[in-house]
Amino acid sequence: MDGISTLRETNHKKGDIRTHKKHCMQNIELLHTAGKGGLIQNEPSHLFIPRQSISVQIPSGLRLFTVEAYAINSLHHYHKPRQTSQTRSHSTASEVSLDYTSVEAKELLDITEAIKLKDGEAETYISEIETIGQAYEDMQTQNQHLLQQVAERDDYNTKVFLLLLLLICLALAKQLQQVNTSLGSLRLRIAHNEEQLKVYITEALKSTQEDRRLVVNLETVKWELADAEKELKWLKSAVSSSEKEYEQIQRKMDEIQNELDNERSIAKAWWPNLPNENKRVDLSSLFEENKMGEKEEMRFTTARPASCVISKLDEVAKAVKFGVRLQGLENGGRGNWAD
């Protein structure tokens, strides 16, 4: 925008310079006509005479130049109309002609040369301005081309960015799909694990109940074991007492066996002499026959209980005593076992 405004300002200044040049040429022609002796009969307003200096500033660092029309201003002083009476009109015309004739040709030549010099400088400045304008137009064209390239590059970058964004969106969508798939599988695994956890919890509860039952059973077994130990101690004491009783019974049986042996020997001696009714006592169940060769040995058996043996032996003893008593009565005396 700054370049465009500068170009417009330059073109405006260029037009001002051309207009000023045209007006200066018109003034020079009028001055030449006046120098030849001709009087200007028209109004003074027909002559273009600037009231002040014209200053034109050329952009891009060009110098200032000024076209001064001081000579024209001085000539205007001579051409200024004078409002005089009719009686002085001829004297005024003669004075004006004398003033024009008094202007030296050298001053007019200097003015002409100065104007030509200013015209050359103006042409130079105009050519420089045109060169600058052409360069500016070229630069503007190049700028437009660069702007077009920038726009194309922006469009390309936008397309690349959109394509990249599309690829990123596709990748994210794929990742999201994978995450959803993984999430679904994880949900299934979580549901399966929850079911297994429920089963494990149920089994744990059952195990806890079983442990409690086992603890109760263990306590019961401990109490039973304690009772069994007490009973075992009692049984041990009972066995020890039974062993003692057995030893006592064994000693008694040994004593009875000895007595029986003695009584058997006595009974064998007295047996043939006993009556038949006393022989009805059967002691065969208390003895065993052991045949050793030709000899027969009668041995007391322990197959029956001791109480049965004792009762049987009591019966035998009573029978023997009764037989001995009878035998003593028959012989006129008392037997050895009468008492």
C-alpha atoms as a PDB file:
ATOM      1  CA  MET A   1       0.000   0.000   0.000  1.00  0.00           C
ATOM      2  CA  ASP A   2       2.945   2.388   0.694  1.00  0.00           C
ATOM      3  CA  GLY A   3       4.386   1.724  -2.783  1.00  0.00           C
ATOM      4  CA  ILE A   4       1.052   2.379  -4.482  1.00  0.00           C
ATOM      5  CA  SER A   5       0.566   5.664  -2.603  1.00  0.00           C
ATOM      6  CA  THR A   6       4.139   6.701  -3.480  1.00  0.00           C
ATOM      7  CA  LEU A   7       3.517   5.907  -7.165  1.00  0.00           C
ATOM      8  CA  ARG A   8       0.312   7.941  -7.161  1.00  0.00           C
ATOM      9  CA  GLU A   9       2.077  10.864  -5.492  1.00  0.00           C
ATOM     10  CA  THR A  10       4.869  10.648  -8.078  1.00  0.00           C
ATOM     11  CA  ASN A  11       2.412  10.681 -10.977  1.00  0.00           C
ATOM     12  CA  HIS A  12       0.654  13.690  -9.424  1.00  0.00           C
ATOM     13  CA  LYS A  13       3.952  15.565  -9.087  1.00  0.00           C
ATOM     14  CA  LYS A  14       4.797  14.632 -12.674  1.00  0.00           C
ATOM     15  CA  GLY A  15       1.532  16.173 -13.911  1.00  0.00           C
ATOM     16  CA  ASP A  16       2.191  19.342 -11.913  1.00  0.00           C
ATOM     17  CA  ILE A  17       5.647  19.687 -13.465  1.00  0.00           C
ATOM     18  CA  ARG A  18       4.300  19.266 -17.003  1.00  0.00           C
ATOM     19  CA  THR A  19       1.554  21.810 -16.375  1.00  0.00           C
ATOM     20  CA  HIS A  20       4.097  24.289 -14.977  1.00  0.00           C
ATOM     21  CA  LYS A  21       6.359  23.712 -17.973  1.00  0.00           C
ATOM     22  CA  LYS A  22       3.520  24.440 -20.361  1.00  0.00           C
ATOM     23  CA  HIS A  23       2.631  27.653 -18.576  1.00  0.00           C
ATOM     24  CA  CYS A  24       6.288  28.745 -18.526  1.00  0.00           C
ATOM     25  CA  MET A  25       6.537  28.255 -22.301  1.00  0.00           C
ATOM     26  CA  GLN A  26       3.453  30.368 -22.795  1.00  0.00           C
ATOM     27  CA  ASN A  27       4.960  33.122 -20.632  1.00  0.00           C
ATOM     28  CA  ILE A  28       8.225  33.004 -22.585  1.00  0.00           C
ATOM     29  CA  GLU A  29       6.392  33.437 -25.856  1.00  0.00           C
ATOM     30  CA  LEU A  30       4.537  36.399 -24.434  1.00  0.00           C
ATOM     31  CA  LEU A  31       7.829  37.911 -23.227  1.00  0.00           C
ATOM     32  CA  HIS A  32       9.399  37.465 -26.671  1.00  0.00           C
ATOM     33  CA  THR A  33       6.416  39.224 -28.217  1.00  0.00           C
ATOM     34  CA  ALA A  34       6.753  42.074 -25.728  1.00  0.00           C
ATOM     35  CA  GLY A  35      10.499  42.344 -26.391  1.00  0.00           C
ATOM     36  CA  LYS A  36       9.960  42.943 -30.073  1.00  0.00           C
ATOM     37  CA  GLY A  37       8.077  46.124 -29.298  1.00  0.00           C
ATOM     38  CA  GLY A  38       4.557  44.899 -29.372  1.00  0.00           C
ATOM     39  CA  LEU A  39       2.291  45.954 -26.573  1.00  0.00           C
ATOM     40  CA  ILE A  40      -0.064  43.608 -24.894  1.00  0.00           C
ATOM     41  CA  GLN A  41      -3.487  44.925 -25.612  1.00  0.00           C
ATOM     42  CA  ASN A  42      -5.395  42.178 -23.795  1.00  0.00           C
ATOM     43  CA  GLU A  43      -6.178  41.937 -20.165  1.00  0.00           C
ATOM     44  CA  PRO A  44      -3.221  41.081 -17.867  1.00  0.00           C
ATOM     45  CA  SER A  45      -5.063  38.037 -16.669  1.00  0.00           C
ATOM     46  CA  HIS A  46      -4.285  36.329 -20.021  1.00  0.00           C
ATOM     47  CA  LEU A  47      -0.620  36.061 -18.940  1.00  0.00           C
ATOM     48  CA  PHE A  48       0.062  33.151 -16.539  1.00  0.00           C
ATOM     49  CA  ILE A  49       2.346  34.526 -13.868  1.00  0.00           C
ATOM     50  CA  PRO A  50       2.696  32.435 -10.661  1.00  0.00           C
ATOM     51  CA  ARG A  51       2.557  34.403  -7.461  1.00  0.00           C
ATOM     52  CA  GLN A  52       5.234  32.333  -5.680  1.00  0.00           C
ATOM     53  CA  SER A  53       7.947  29.797  -6.296  1.00  0.00           C
ATOM     54  CA  ILE A  54       6.986  26.284  -7.396  1.00  0.00           C
ATOM     55  CA  SER A  55       8.656  23.482  -5.395  1.00  0.00           C
ATOM     56  CA  VAL A  56       8.396  19.872  -6.601  1.00  0.00           C
ATOM     57  CA  GLN A  57       9.685  17.009  -4.396  1.00  0.00           C
ATOM     58  CA  ILE A  58      10.745  13.890  -6.235  1.00  0.00           C
ATOM     59  CA  PRO A  59      10.436  10.619  -4.272  1.00  0.00           C
ATOM     60  CA  SER A  60      13.178   8.056  -3.733  1.00  0.00           C
ATOM     61  CA  GLY A  61      15.711  10.600  -2.546  1.00  0.00           C
ATOM     62  CA  LEU A  62      15.727  12.906  -5.572  1.00  0.00           C
ATOM     63  CA  ARG A  63      16.653  16.488  -4.923  1.00  0.00           C
ATOM     64  CA  LEU A  64      14.308  19.378  -4.805  1.00  0.00           C
ATOM     65  CA  PHE A  65      14.243  21.733  -7.615  1.00  0.00           C
ATOM     66  CA  THR A  66      12.549  25.070  -7.874  1.00  0.00           C
ATOM     67  CA  VAL A  67      11.393  26.846 -10.947  1.00  0.00           C
ATOM     68  CA  GLU A  68      11.419  30.465 -10.116  1.00  0.00           C
ATOM     69  CA  ALA A  69       9.702  32.920 -12.309  1.00  0.00           C
ATOM     70  CA  TYR A  70      11.071  35.962 -10.631  1.00  0.00           C
ATOM     71  CA  ALA A  71      11.675  37.616 -13.998  1.00  0.00           C
ATOM     72  CA  ILE A  72       8.101  37.017 -14.973  1.00  0.00           C
ATOM     73  CA  ASN A  73       7.002  38.551 -11.681  1.00  0.00           C
ATOM     74  CA  SER A  74       9.142  41.583 -12.391  1.00  0.00           C
ATOM     75  CA  LEU A  75       7.691  41.840 -15.884  1.00  0.00           C
ATOM     76  CA  HIS A  76       4.233  41.548 -14.425  1.00  0.00           C
ATOM     77  CA  HIS A  77       5.018  44.609 -12.406  1.00  0.00           C
ATOM     78  CA  TYR A  78       5.463  46.494 -15.624  1.00  0.00           C
ATOM     79  CA  HIS A  79       2.326  45.085 -17.174  1.00  0.00           C
ATOM     80  CA  LYS A  80       0.179  45.936 -14.116  1.00  0.00           C
ATOM     81  CA  PRO A  81      -2.711  48.113 -15.377  1.00  0.00           C
ATOM     82  CA  ARG A  82      -2.983  51.500 -14.009  1.00  0.00           C
ATOM     83  CA  GLN A  83      -6.226  53.112 -13.333  1.00  0.00           C
ATOM     84  CA  THR A  84      -5.498  56.628 -14.529  1.00  0.00           C
ATOM     85  CA  SER A  85      -7.557  59.211 -16.161  1.00  0.00           C
ATOM     86  CA  GLN A  86      -8.062  59.480 -19.868  1.00  0.00           C
ATOM     87  CA  THR A  87      -5.648  62.350 -19.989  1.00  0.00           C
ATOM     88  CA  ARG A  88      -2.685  60.145 -18.893  1.00  0.00           C
ATOM     89  CA  SER A  89      -3.302  57.136 -21.123  1.00  0.00           C
ATOM     90  CA  HIS A  90      -0.802  58.223 -23.775  1.00  0.00           C
ATOM     91  CA  SER A  91       1.897  58.963 -21.215  1.00  0.00           C
ATOM     92  CA  THR A  92       1.366  55.527 -19.608  1.00  0.00           C
ATOM     93  CA  ALA A  93       1.668  53.736 -22.964  1.00  0.00           C
ATOM     94  CA  SER A  94       4.903  55.566 -23.686  1.00  0.00           C
ATOM     95  CA  GLU A  95       6.316  54.654 -20.244  1.00  0.00           C
ATOM     96  CA  VAL A  96       5.465  50.984 -20.724  1.00  0.00           C
ATOM     97  CA  SER A  97       7.130  50.930 -24.136  1.00  0.00           C
ATOM     98  CA  LEU A  98      10.190  52.560 -22.635  1.00  0.00           C
ATOM     99  CA  ASP A  99      10.255  49.941 -19.822  1.00  0.00           C
ATOM    100  CA  TYR A 100      10.096  47.069 -22.301  1.00  0.00           C
ATOM    101  CA  THR A 101      12.795  48.545 -24.436  1.00  0.00           C
ATOM    102  CA  SER A 102      14.953  49.055 -21.349  1.00  0.00           C
ATOM    103  CA  VAL A 103      14.947  45.320 -20.526  1.00  0.00           C
ATOM    104  CA  GLU A 104      18.249  44.074 -21.692  1.00  0.00           C
ATOM    105  CA  ALA A 105      18.525  41.160 -24.016  1.00  0.00           C
ATOM    106  CA  LYS A 106      21.052  39.562 -21.652  1.00  0.00           C
ATOM    107  CA  GLU A 107      18.542  39.186 -18.842  1.00  0.00           C
ATOM    108  CA  LEU A 108      16.026  37.686 -21.224  1.00  0.00           C
ATOM    109  CA  LEU A 109      18.669  35.274 -22.484  1.00  0.00           C
ATOM    110  CA  ASP A 110      19.596  34.299 -18.906  1.00  0.00           C
ATOM    111  CA  ILE A 111      15.975  33.673 -18.105  1.00  0.00           C
ATOM    112  CA  THR A 112      15.612  31.555 -21.233  1.00  0.00           C
ATOM    113  CA  GLU A 113      18.723  29.556 -20.383  1.00  0.00           C
ATOM    114  CA  ALA A 114      17.539  29.049 -16.807  1.00  0.00           C
ATOM    115  CA  ILE A 115      14.183  27.830 -18.043  1.00  0.00           C
ATOM    116  CA  LYS A 116      15.878  25.469 -20.529  1.00  0.00           C
ATOM    117  CA  LEU A 117      18.125  24.188 -17.727  1.00  0.00           C
ATOM    118  CA  LYS A 118      15.136  23.642 -15.496  1.00  0.00           C
ATOM    119  CA  ASP A 119      13.367  21.906 -18.397  1.00  0.00           C
ATOM    120  CA  GLY A 120      16.340  19.552 -18.818  1.00  0.00           C
ATOM    121  CA  GLU A 121      16.412  18.808 -15.140  1.00  0.00           C
ATOM    122  CA  ALA A 122      12.662  18.262 -15.218  1.00  0.00           C
ATOM    123  CA  GLU A 123      13.052  15.849 -18.150  1.00  0.00           C
ATOM    124  CA  THR A 124      15.813  14.054 -16.260  1.00  0.00           C
ATOM    125  CA  TYR A 125      13.656  13.813 -13.193  1.00  0.00           C
ATOM    126  CA  ILE A 126      10.719  12.695 -15.306  1.00  0.00           C
ATOM    127  CA  SER A 127      12.844   9.962 -16.924  1.00  0.00           C
ATOM    128  CA  GLU A 128      14.086   8.911 -13.502  1.00  0.00           C
ATOM    129  CA  ILE A 129      10.512   8.919 -12.246  1.00  0.00           C
ATOM    130  CA  GLU A 130       9.443   6.836 -15.250  1.00  0.00           C
ATOM    131  CA  THR A 131      12.350   4.451 -14.607  1.00  0.00           C
ATOM    132  CA  ILE A 132      11.350   4.222 -10.981  1.00  0.00           C
ATOM    133  CA  GLY A 133       7.719   3.709 -11.988  1.00  0.00           C
ATOM    134  CA  GLN A 134       8.712   0.991 -14.452  1.00  0.00           C
ATOM    135  CA  ALA A 135      10.873  -0.639 -11.792  1.00  0.00           C
ATOM    136  CA  TYR A 136       7.989  -0.307  -9.399  1.00  0.00           C
ATOM    137  CA  GLU A 137       5.648  -1.872 -11.940  1.00  0.00           C
ATOM    138  CA  ASP A 138       8.149  -4.688 -12.489  1.00  0.00           C
ATOM    139  CA  MET A 139       8.482  -5.055  -8.762  1.00  0.00           C
ATOM    140  CA  GLN A 140       4.712  -4.995  -8.457  1.00  0.00           C
ATOM    141  CA  THR A 141       4.459  -7.681 -11.151  1.00  0.00           C
ATOM    142  CA  GLN A 142       7.114  -9.716  -9.388  1.00  0.00           C
ATOM    143  CA  ASN A 143       5.322  -9.097  -6.128  1.00  0.00           C
ATOM    144  CA  GLN A 144       2.072 -10.313  -7.671  1.00  0.00           C
ATOM    145  CA  HIS A 145       3.897 -13.352  -8.998  1.00  0.00           C
ATOM    146  CA  LEU A 146       5.413 -13.966  -5.570  1.00  0.00           C
ATOM    147  CA  LEU A 147       2.026 -13.443  -3.952  1.00  0.00           C
ATOM    148  CA  GLN A 148       0.579 -15.966  -6.366  1.00  0.00           C
ATOM    149  CA  GLN A 149       3.389 -18.384  -5.529  1.00  0.00           C
ATOM    150  CA  VAL A 150       2.806 -17.748  -1.829  1.00  0.00           C
ATOM    151  CA  ALA A 151      -0.912 -18.344  -2.313  1.00  0.00           C
ATOM    152  CA  GLU A 152      -0.174 -21.536  -4.241  1.00  0.00           C
ATOM    153  CA  ARG A 153       2.298 -22.595  -1.569  1.00  0.00           C
ATOM    154  CA  ASP A 154      -0.251 -21.774   1.131  1.00  0.00           C
ATOM    155  CA  ASP A 155      -2.828 -23.795  -0.766  1.00  0.00           C
ATOM    156  CA  TYR A 156      -0.348 -26.644  -1.114  1.00  0.00           C
ATOM    157  CA  ASN A 157       0.602 -26.389   2.554  1.00  0.00           C
ATOM    158  CA  THR A 158      -3.076 -26.320   3.461  1.00  0.00           C
ATOM    159  CA  LYS A 159      -3.699 -29.422   1.369  1.00  0.00           C
ATOM    160  CA  VAL A 160      -0.656 -31.127   2.885  1.00  0.00           C
ATOM    161  CA  PHE A 161      -1.793 -30.132   6.361  1.00  0.00           C
ATOM    162  CA  LEU A 162      -5.313 -31.371   5.668  1.00  0.00           C
ATOM    163  CA  LEU A 163      -3.918 -34.616   4.244  1.00  0.00           C
ATOM    164  CA  LEU A 164      -1.655 -35.003   7.264  1.00  0.00           C
ATOM    165  CA  LEU A 165      -4.580 -34.207   9.539  1.00  0.00           C
ATOM    166  CA  LEU A 166      -6.671 -36.782   7.671  1.00  0.00           C
ATOM    167  CA  LEU A 167      -3.907 -39.378   8.072  1.00  0.00           C
ATOM    168  CA  ILE A 168      -3.636 -38.522  11.756  1.00  0.00           C
ATOM    169  CA  CYS A 169      -7.416 -38.821  12.108  1.00  0.00           C
ATOM    170  CA  LEU A 170      -7.351 -42.187  10.320  1.00  0.00           C
ATOM    171  CA  ALA A 171      -4.503 -43.370  12.547  1.00  0.00           C
ATOM    172  CA  LEU A 172      -6.356 -42.157  15.629  1.00  0.00           C
ATOM    173  CA  ALA A 173      -9.540 -43.835  14.402  1.00  0.00           C
ATOM    174  CA  LYS A 174      -7.602 -47.072  13.870  1.00  0.00           C
ATOM    175  CA  GLN A 175      -6.036 -46.772  17.304  1.00  0.00           C
ATOM    176  CA  LEU A 176      -9.470 -46.013  18.754  1.00  0.00           C
ATOM    177  CA  GLN A 177     -10.870 -49.105  17.043  1.00  0.00           C
ATOM    178  CA  GLN A 178      -8.003 -51.182  18.411  1.00  0.00           C
ATOM    179  CA  VAL A 179      -8.563 -49.679  21.844  1.00  0.00           C
ATOM    180  CA  ASN A 180     -12.278 -50.450  21.605  1.00  0.00           C
ATOM    181  CA  THR A 181     -11.473 -54.023  20.543  1.00  0.00           C
ATOM    182  CA  SER A 182      -8.995 -54.375  23.385  1.00  0.00           C
ATOM    183  CA  LEU A 183     -11.534 -52.802  25.720  1.00  0.00           C
ATOM    184  CA  GLY A 184     -14.156 -55.322  24.621  1.00  0.00           C
ATOM    185  CA  SER A 185     -11.774 -58.237  25.171  1.00  0.00           C
ATOM    186  CA  LEU A 186     -10.764 -56.759  28.510  1.00  0.00           C
ATOM    187  CA  ARG A 187     -14.416 -56.422  29.489  1.00  0.00           C
ATOM    188  CA  LEU A 188     -14.977 -60.077  28.580  1.00  0.00           C
ATOM    189  CA  ARG A 189     -11.912 -61.054  30.590  1.00  0.00           C
ATOM    190  CA  ILE A 190     -13.098 -58.894  33.480  1.00  0.00           C
ATOM    191  CA  ALA A 191     -16.534 -60.542  33.347  1.00  0.00           C
ATOM    192  CA  HIS A 192     -14.910 -63.986  33.229  1.00  0.00           C
ATOM    193  CA  ASN A 193     -12.591 -63.036  36.074  1.00  0.00           C
ATOM    194  CA  GLU A 194     -15.562 -61.737  38.058  1.00  0.00           C
ATOM    195  CA  GLU A 195     -17.333 -65.054  37.547  1.00  0.00           C
ATOM    196  CA  GLN A 196     -14.191 -66.908  38.604  1.00  0.00           C
ATOM    197  CA  LEU A 197     -13.903 -64.555  41.558  1.00  0.00           C
ATOM    198  CA  LYS A 198     -17.469 -65.358  42.557  1.00  0.00           C
ATOM    199  CA  VAL A 199     -16.679 -69.068  42.261  1.00  0.00           C
ATOM    200  CA  TYR A 200     -13.518 -68.561  44.289  1.00  0.00           C
ATOM    201  CA  ILE A 201     -15.443 -66.565  46.885  1.00  0.00           C
ATOM    202  CA  THR A 202     -18.046 -69.343  47.086  1.00  0.00           C
ATOM    203  CA  GLU A 203     -15.295 -71.927  47.409  1.00  0.00           C
ATOM    204  CA  ALA A 204     -13.578 -69.736  49.993  1.00  0.00           C
ATOM    205  CA  LEU A 205     -16.817 -69.517  51.966  1.00  0.00           C
ATOM    206  CA  LYS A 206     -17.232 -73.272  51.693  1.00  0.00           C
ATOM    207  CA  SER A 207     -13.606 -73.728  52.703  1.00  0.00           C
ATOM    208  CA  THR A 208     -14.165 -71.374  55.629  1.00  0.00           C
ATOM    209  CA  GLN A 209     -17.200 -73.339  56.700  1.00  0.00           C
ATOM    210  CA  GLU A 210     -15.274 -76.577  56.200  1.00  0.00           C
ATOM    211  CA  ASP A 211     -12.398 -75.133  58.213  1.00  0.00           C
ATOM    212  CA  ARG A 212     -14.809 -74.172  60.962  1.00  0.00           C
ATOM    213  CA  ARG A 213     -16.319 -77.642  60.855  1.00  0.00           C
ATOM    214  CA  LEU A 214     -12.842 -79.151  60.893  1.00  0.00           C
ATOM    215  CA  VAL A 215     -11.905 -76.892  63.793  1.00  0.00           C
ATOM    216  CA  VAL A 216     -15.006 -78.030  65.647  1.00  0.00           C
ATOM    217  CA  ASN A 217     -14.232 -81.641  64.742  1.00  0.00           C
ATOM    218  CA  LEU A 218     -10.650 -81.098  65.802  1.00  0.00           C
ATOM    219  CA  GLU A 219     -11.796 -79.750  69.119  1.00  0.00           C
ATOM    220  CA  THR A 220     -14.134 -82.706  69.432  1.00  0.00           C
ATOM    221  CA  VAL A 221     -11.309 -85.068  68.521  1.00  0.00           C
ATOM    222  CA  LYS A 222      -9.090 -83.325  71.040  1.00  0.00           C
ATOM    223  CA  TRP A 223     -11.734 -83.785  73.727  1.00  0.00           C
ATOM    224  CA  GLU A 224     -12.222 -87.393  72.633  1.00  0.00           C
ATOM    225  CA  LEU A 225      -8.466 -87.868  72.609  1.00  0.00           C
ATOM    226  CA  ALA A 226      -8.267 -86.399  76.086  1.00  0.00           C
ATOM    227  CA  ASP A 227     -11.070 -88.739  77.161  1.00  0.00           C
ATOM    228  CA  ALA A 228      -9.317 -91.615  75.392  1.00  0.00           C
ATOM    229  CA  GLU A 229      -6.078 -90.739  77.151  1.00  0.00           C
ATOM    230  CA  LYS A 230      -7.919 -90.671  80.452  1.00  0.00           C
ATOM    231  CA  GLU A 231      -9.568 -93.968  79.583  1.00  0.00           C
ATOM    232  CA  LEU A 232      -6.202 -95.328  78.476  1.00  0.00           C
ATOM    233  CA  LYS A 233      -4.688 -94.315  81.777  1.00  0.00           C
ATOM    234  CA  TRP A 234      -7.630 -95.962  83.533  1.00  0.00           C
ATOM    235  CA  LEU A 235      -7.221 -99.041  81.344  1.00  0.00           C
ATOM    236  CA  LYS A 236      -3.507 -99.099  82.068  1.00  0.00           C
ATOM    237  CA  SER A 237      -4.242 -98.876  85.755  1.00  0.00           C
ATOM    238  CA  ALA A 238      -6.965-101.522  85.284  1.00  0.00           C
ATOM    239  CA  VAL A 239      -4.550-103.715  83.301  1.00  0.00           C
ATOM    240  CA  SER A 240      -1.881-103.263  85.938  1.00  0.00           C
ATOM    241  CA  SER A 241      -4.415-104.162  88.636  1.00  0.00           C
ATOM    242  CA  SER A 242      -5.663-107.049  86.454  1.00  0.00           C
ATOM    243  CA  GLU A 243      -2.094-108.218  85.994  1.00  0.00           C
ATOM    244  CA  LYS A 244      -1.635-108.091  89.732  1.00  0.00           C
ATOM    245  CA  GLU A 245      -4.891-110.017  90.204  1.00  0.00           C
ATOM    246  CA  TYR A 246      -3.798-112.408  87.472  1.00  0.00           C
ATOM    247  CA  GLU A 247      -0.507-112.947  89.255  1.00  0.00           C
ATOM    248  CA  GLN A 248      -2.369-113.513  92.490  1.00  0.00           C
ATOM    249  CA  ILE A 249      -4.779-115.888  90.731  1.00  0.00           C
ATOM    250  CA  GLN A 250      -1.826-117.564  89.064  1.00  0.00           C
ATOM    251  CA  ARG A 251      -0.174-118.028  92.414  1.00  0.00           C
ATOM    252  CA  LYS A 252      -3.446-119.347  93.831  1.00  0.00           C
ATOM    253  CA  MET A 253      -3.789-121.654  90.830  1.00  0.00           C
ATOM    254  CA  ASP A 254      -0.263-122.843  91.368  1.00  0.00           C
ATOM    255  CA  GLU A 255      -1.066-123.484  94.990  1.00  0.00           C
ATOM    256  CA  ILE A 256      -4.319-125.193  94.000  1.00  0.00           C
ATOM    257  CA  GLN A 257      -2.439-127.155  91.361  1.00  0.00           C
ATOM    258  CA  ASN A 258      -0.036-128.324  93.985  1.00  0.00           C
ATOM    259  CA  GLU A 259      -2.889-129.186  96.291  1.00  0.00           C
ATOM    260  CA  LEU A 260      -4.644-130.960  93.420  1.00  0.00           C
ATOM    261  CA  ASP A 261      -1.529-132.893  92.661  1.00  0.00           C
ATOM    262  CA  ASN A 262      -1.355-133.931  96.259  1.00  0.00           C
ATOM    263  CA  GLU A 263      -5.063-134.692  96.371  1.00  0.00           C
ATOM    264  CA  ARG A 264      -4.818-136.605  93.097  1.00  0.00           C
ATOM    265  CA  SER A 265      -2.109-138.758  94.487  1.00  0.00           C
ATOM    266  CA  ILE A 266      -4.200-139.298  97.577  1.00  0.00           C
ATOM    267  CA  ALA A 267      -7.332-139.828  95.474  1.00  0.00           C
ATOM    268  CA  LYS A 268      -5.559-142.410  93.374  1.00  0.00           C
ATOM    269  CA  ALA A 269      -4.663-144.106  96.557  1.00  0.00           C
ATOM    270  CA  TRP A 270      -8.190-143.895  97.943  1.00  0.00           C
ATOM    271  CA  TRP A 271     -10.144-144.157  94.687  1.00  0.00           C
ATOM    272  CA  PRO A 272     -10.368-147.897  94.394  1.00  0.00           C
ATOM    273  CA  ASN A 273     -11.676-148.129  97.913  1.00  0.00           C
ATOM    274  CA  LEU A 274     -14.497-145.568  97.389  1.00  0.00           C
ATOM    275  CA  PRO A 275     -18.064-146.737  96.855  1.00  0.00           C
ATOM    276  CA  ASN A 276     -19.519-146.544  93.319  1.00  0.00           C
ATOM    277  CA  GLU A 277     -21.748-143.563  94.005  1.00  0.00           C
ATOM    278  CA  ASN A 278     -18.724-141.488  94.921  1.00  0.00           C
ATOM    279  CA  LYS A 279     -17.101-142.285  91.619  1.00  0.00           C
ATOM    280  CA  ARG A 280     -19.701-140.331  89.730  1.00  0.00           C
ATOM    281  CA  VAL A 281     -17.606-137.178  89.911  1.00  0.00           C
ATOM    282  CA  ASP A 282     -16.066-136.671  86.473  1.00  0.00           C
ATOM    283  CA  LEU A 283     -12.761-134.912  86.516  1.00  0.00           C
ATOM    284  CA  SER A 284     -11.907-135.756  82.953  1.00  0.00           C
ATOM    285  CA  SER A 285     -12.929-132.300  81.830  1.00  0.00           C
ATOM    286  CA  LEU A 286     -10.284-130.828  84.083  1.00  0.00           C
ATOM    287  CA  PHE A 287      -7.443-132.957  82.780  1.00  0.00           C
ATOM    288  CA  GLU A 288      -5.903-133.719  79.469  1.00  0.00           C
ATOM    289  CA  GLU A 289      -4.544-137.049  78.445  1.00  0.00           C
ATOM    290  CA  ASN A 290      -1.073-136.909  77.025  1.00  0.00           C
ATOM    291  CA  LYS A 291       0.115-140.115  75.592  1.00  0.00           C
ATOM    292  CA  MET A 292       3.831-140.303  75.509  1.00  0.00           C
ATOM    293  CA  GLY A 293       4.729-143.636  74.220  1.00  0.00           C
ATOM    294  CA  GLU A 294       3.306-146.278  76.428  1.00  0.00           C
ATOM    295  CA  LYS A 295       2.855-143.991  79.392  1.00  0.00           C
ATOM    296  CA  GLU A 296      -0.242-141.940  79.914  1.00  0.00           C
ATOM    297  CA  GLU A 297       0.124-138.644  81.700  1.00  0.00           C
ATOM    298  CA  MET A 298      -2.813-136.732  83.118  1.00  0.00           C
ATOM    299  CA  ARG A 299      -2.164-132.999  83.019  1.00  0.00           C
ATOM    300  CA  PHE A 300      -4.399-130.270  84.369  1.00  0.00           C
ATOM    301  CA  THR A 301      -5.896-128.158  81.569  1.00  0.00           C
ATOM    302  CA  THR A 302      -6.413-124.378  81.606  1.00  0.00           C
ATOM    303  CA  ALA A 303      -8.905-124.307  78.805  1.00  0.00           C
ATOM    304  CA  ARG A 304     -11.765-123.608  81.234  1.00  0.00           C
ATOM    305  CA  PRO A 305     -12.159-120.457  83.332  1.00  0.00           C
ATOM    306  CA  ALA A 306     -10.602-120.382  86.751  1.00  0.00           C
ATOM    307  CA  SER A 307     -14.009-119.997  88.493  1.00  0.00           C
ATOM    308  CA  CYS A 308     -15.278-123.138  86.771  1.00  0.00           C
ATOM    309  CA  VAL A 309     -12.145-124.993  87.707  1.00  0.00           C
ATOM    310  CA  ILE A 310     -12.387-123.840  91.296  1.00  0.00           C
ATOM    311  CA  SER A 311     -16.051-124.814  91.554  1.00  0.00           C
ATOM    312  CA  LYS A 312     -15.275-128.171  89.981  1.00  0.00           C
ATOM    313  CA  LEU A 313     -12.410-128.690  92.324  1.00  0.00           C
ATOM    314  CA  ASP A 314     -14.617-127.768  95.257  1.00  0.00           C
ATOM    315  CA  GLU A 315     -17.054-130.435  94.180  1.00  0.00           C
ATOM    316  CA  VAL A 316     -14.246-132.939  93.850  1.00  0.00           C
ATOM    317  CA  ALA A 317     -12.853-131.960  97.217  1.00  0.00           C
ATOM    318  CA  LYS A 318     -16.239-132.337  98.836  1.00  0.00           C
ATOM    319  CA  ALA A 319     -16.702-135.704  97.193  1.00  0.00           C
ATOM    320  CA  VAL A 320     -13.267-136.819  98.256  1.00  0.00           C
ATOM    321  CA  LYS A 321     -13.835-135.588 101.777  1.00  0.00           C
ATOM    322  CA  PHE A 322     -17.196-137.318 101.829  1.00  0.00           C
ATOM    323  CA  GLY A 323     -15.582-140.521 100.604  1.00  0.00           C
ATOM    324  CA  VAL A 324     -12.772-140.345 103.085  1.00  0.00           C
ATOM    325  CA  ARG A 325     -15.249-139.751 105.871  1.00  0.00           C
ATOM    326  CA  LEU A 326     -17.278-142.731 104.808  1.00  0.00           C
ATOM    327  CA  GLN A 327     -14.163-144.786 104.568  1.00  0.00           C
ATOM    328  CA  GLY A 328     -13.149-143.718 108.068  1.00  0.00           C
ATOM    329  CA  LEU A 329     -16.572-144.560 109.423  1.00  0.00           C
ATOM    330  CA  GLU A 330     -16.407-147.979 107.848  1.00  0.00           C
ATOM    331  CA  ASN A 331     -12.997-148.573 109.322  1.00  0.00           C
ATOM    332  CA  GLY A 332     -14.149-147.383 112.721  1.00  0.00           C
ATOM    333  CA  GLY A 333     -12.199-144.247 112.827  1.00  0.00           C
ATOM    334  CA  ARG A 334     -12.041-140.724 111.375  1.00  0.00           C
ATOM    335  CA  GLY A 335     -10.338-140.022 108.144  1.00  0.00           C
ATOM    336  CA  ASN A 336      -7.587-137.497 107.609  1.00  0.00           C
ATOM    337  CA  TRP A 337     -10.061-135.024 105.993  1.00  0.00           C
ATOM    338  CA  ALA A 338     -12.918-135.617 108.277  1.00  0.00           C
ATOM    339  CA  ASP A 339     -12.852-132.039 109.353  1.00  0.00           C
END
